Amino acid sequence: MTCPHLTAAGTPAPQTTEGCQDCLATGSHDWVHLRECLDCGHVGCCDSSPRRHATAHFRGTGHPVVRSFEPGESWRWCYLDETVG
């Protein structure tokens, strides 16, 4: 079964290319990996990072799909269905 959220996910321009925008806003640079929201382009840090801003963005907005924002990676993750695509 295919996740409808992964299928419907867009390709917005990232809001930043500098790193996790929430960490940058507080002067922090301690993210591990980055994720981009495929609804709005928000760039947040992954759950291996201390502040987990990508998941916090999902919880605050309900935007279900992120993609890896790491060079050479092309996978997507749906928070609602806990599915990789």
C-alpha atoms as a PDB file:
ATOM      1  CA  MET A   1       0.000   0.000   0.000  1.00  0.00           C
ATOM      2  CA  THR A   2       1.313   3.431  -0.944  1.00  0.00           C
ATOM      3  CA  CYS A   3       1.171   6.283   1.558  1.00  0.00           C
ATOM      4  CA  PRO A   4      -1.088   9.009   0.114  1.00  0.00           C
ATOM      5  CA  HIS A   5       0.883  11.728   1.908  1.00  0.00           C
ATOM      6  CA  LEU A   6       4.153  10.676   0.259  1.00  0.00           C
ATOM      7  CA  THR A   7       2.422  10.577  -3.116  1.00  0.00           C
ATOM      8  CA  ALA A   8       0.879  14.034  -2.663  1.00  0.00           C
ATOM      9  CA  ALA A   9       3.992  15.718  -1.219  1.00  0.00           C
ATOM     10  CA  GLY A  10       5.174  18.781  -3.071  1.00  0.00           C
ATOM     11  CA  THR A  11       8.622  20.125  -3.830  1.00  0.00           C
ATOM     12  CA  PRO A  12       8.768  23.584  -2.261  1.00  0.00           C
ATOM     13  CA  ALA A  13      11.935  25.631  -2.260  1.00  0.00           C
ATOM     14  CA  PRO A  14      13.759  25.285   1.058  1.00  0.00           C
ATOM     15  CA  GLN A  15      13.365  28.305   3.338  1.00  0.00           C
ATOM     16  CA  THR A  16      17.126  28.194   3.989  1.00  0.00           C
ATOM     17  CA  THR A  17      20.186  26.309   2.806  1.00  0.00           C
ATOM     18  CA  GLU A  18      22.301  27.350   5.783  1.00  0.00           C
ATOM     19  CA  GLY A  19      21.119  24.696   8.278  1.00  0.00           C
ATOM     20  CA  CYS A  20      18.294  24.163  10.739  1.00  0.00           C
ATOM     21  CA  GLN A  21      16.445  27.451  10.665  1.00  0.00           C
ATOM     22  CA  ASP A  22      15.218  27.110  14.261  1.00  0.00           C
ATOM     23  CA  CYS A  23      18.712  26.378  15.581  1.00  0.00           C
ATOM     24  CA  LEU A  24      20.145  29.246  13.539  1.00  0.00           C
ATOM     25  CA  ALA A  25      17.534  31.597  15.009  1.00  0.00           C
ATOM     26  CA  THR A  26      18.861  30.838  18.496  1.00  0.00           C
ATOM     27  CA  GLY A  27      22.534  30.880  17.530  1.00  0.00           C
ATOM     28  CA  SER A  28      22.940  27.110  17.778  1.00  0.00           C
ATOM     29  CA  HIS A  29      24.775  24.962  15.226  1.00  0.00           C
ATOM     30  CA  ASP A  30      24.600  21.548  16.893  1.00  0.00           C
ATOM     31  CA  TRP A  31      22.261  19.731  14.494  1.00  0.00           C
ATOM     32  CA  VAL A  32      23.181  16.265  13.223  1.00  0.00           C
ATOM     33  CA  HIS A  33      21.144  15.931  10.007  1.00  0.00           C
ATOM     34  CA  LEU A  34      18.597  18.150   8.291  1.00  0.00           C
ATOM     35  CA  ARG A  35      15.052  17.528   7.039  1.00  0.00           C
ATOM     36  CA  GLU A  36      12.939  19.701   4.729  1.00  0.00           C
ATOM     37  CA  CYS A  37       9.160  19.929   5.098  1.00  0.00           C
ATOM     38  CA  LEU A  38       7.548  19.174   1.749  1.00  0.00           C
ATOM     39  CA  ASP A  39       4.520  21.354   2.511  1.00  0.00           C
ATOM     40  CA  CYS A  40       6.272  24.646   3.233  1.00  0.00           C
ATOM     41  CA  GLY A  41      10.048  24.208   2.827  1.00  0.00           C
ATOM     42  CA  HIS A  42      10.896  24.561   6.547  1.00  0.00           C
ATOM     43  CA  VAL A  43      14.366  23.132   7.223  1.00  0.00           C
ATOM     44  CA  GLY A  44      14.721  21.517  10.642  1.00  0.00           C
ATOM     45  CA  CYS A  45      17.090  19.200  12.451  1.00  0.00           C
ATOM     46  CA  CYS A  46      16.476  15.456  12.771  1.00  0.00           C
ATOM     47  CA  ASP A  47      15.552  13.438  15.857  1.00  0.00           C
ATOM     48  CA  SER A  48      19.232  12.569  16.420  1.00  0.00           C
ATOM     49  CA  SER A  49      19.832  16.277  16.995  1.00  0.00           C
ATOM     50  CA  PRO A  50      19.374  17.740  20.496  1.00  0.00           C
ATOM     51  CA  ARG A  51      16.384  19.948  19.627  1.00  0.00           C
ATOM     52  CA  ARG A  52      14.532  17.792  17.039  1.00  0.00           C
ATOM     53  CA  HIS A  53      13.094  20.776  15.188  1.00  0.00           C
ATOM     54  CA  ALA A  54      11.804  18.813  12.159  1.00  0.00           C
ATOM     55  CA  THR A  55       9.505  16.721  14.364  1.00  0.00           C
ATOM     56  CA  ALA A  56       8.521  19.809  16.365  1.00  0.00           C
ATOM     57  CA  HIS A  57       7.549  21.484  13.082  1.00  0.00           C
ATOM     58  CA  PHE A  58       5.340  18.498  12.184  1.00  0.00           C
ATOM     59  CA  ARG A  59       3.674  18.562  15.611  1.00  0.00           C
ATOM     60  CA  GLY A  60       3.059  22.303  15.394  1.00  0.00           C
ATOM     61  CA  THR A  61       1.790  22.424  11.822  1.00  0.00           C
ATOM     62  CA  GLY A  62       0.544  18.945  10.937  1.00  0.00           C
ATOM     63  CA  HIS A  63       2.666  18.970   7.769  1.00  0.00           C
ATOM     64  CA  PRO A  64       3.194  15.206   7.373  1.00  0.00           C
ATOM     65  CA  VAL A  65       6.121  14.702   4.969  1.00  0.00           C
ATOM     66  CA  VAL A  66       9.787  15.620   5.154  1.00  0.00           C
ATOM     67  CA  ARG A  67      12.681  14.731   2.928  1.00  0.00           C
ATOM     68  CA  SER A  68      16.291  14.285   3.820  1.00  0.00           C
ATOM     69  CA  PHE A  69      18.138  17.560   3.243  1.00  0.00           C
ATOM     70  CA  GLU A  70      21.503  15.791   3.212  1.00  0.00           C
ATOM     71  CA  PRO A  71      23.658  15.668   0.063  1.00  0.00           C
ATOM     72  CA  GLY A  72      23.250  12.393  -1.828  1.00  0.00           C
ATOM     73  CA  GLU A  73      20.068  11.314   0.018  1.00  0.00           C
ATOM     74  CA  SER A  74      16.643  11.318  -1.622  1.00  0.00           C
ATOM     75  CA  TRP A  75      14.313   9.548   0.822  1.00  0.00           C
ATOM     76  CA  ARG A  76      11.101  10.976   2.275  1.00  0.00           C
ATOM     77  CA  TRP A  77       9.352  10.260   5.601  1.00  0.00           C
ATOM     78  CA  CYS A  78       5.675  10.497   6.463  1.00  0.00           C
ATOM     79  CA  TYR A  79       5.136  11.211  10.159  1.00  0.00           C
ATOM     80  CA  LEU A  80       1.444  10.249  10.027  1.00  0.00           C
ATOM     81  CA  ASP A  81       1.920   6.803   8.492  1.00  0.00           C
ATOM     82  CA  GLU A  82       5.485   6.280   9.764  1.00  0.00           C
ATOM     83  CA  THR A  83       6.508   5.309   6.255  1.00  0.00           C
ATOM     84  CA  VAL A  84       9.636   5.923   4.238  1.00  0.00           C
ATOM     85  CA  GLY A  85       9.366   6.523   0.533  1.00  0.00           C
END
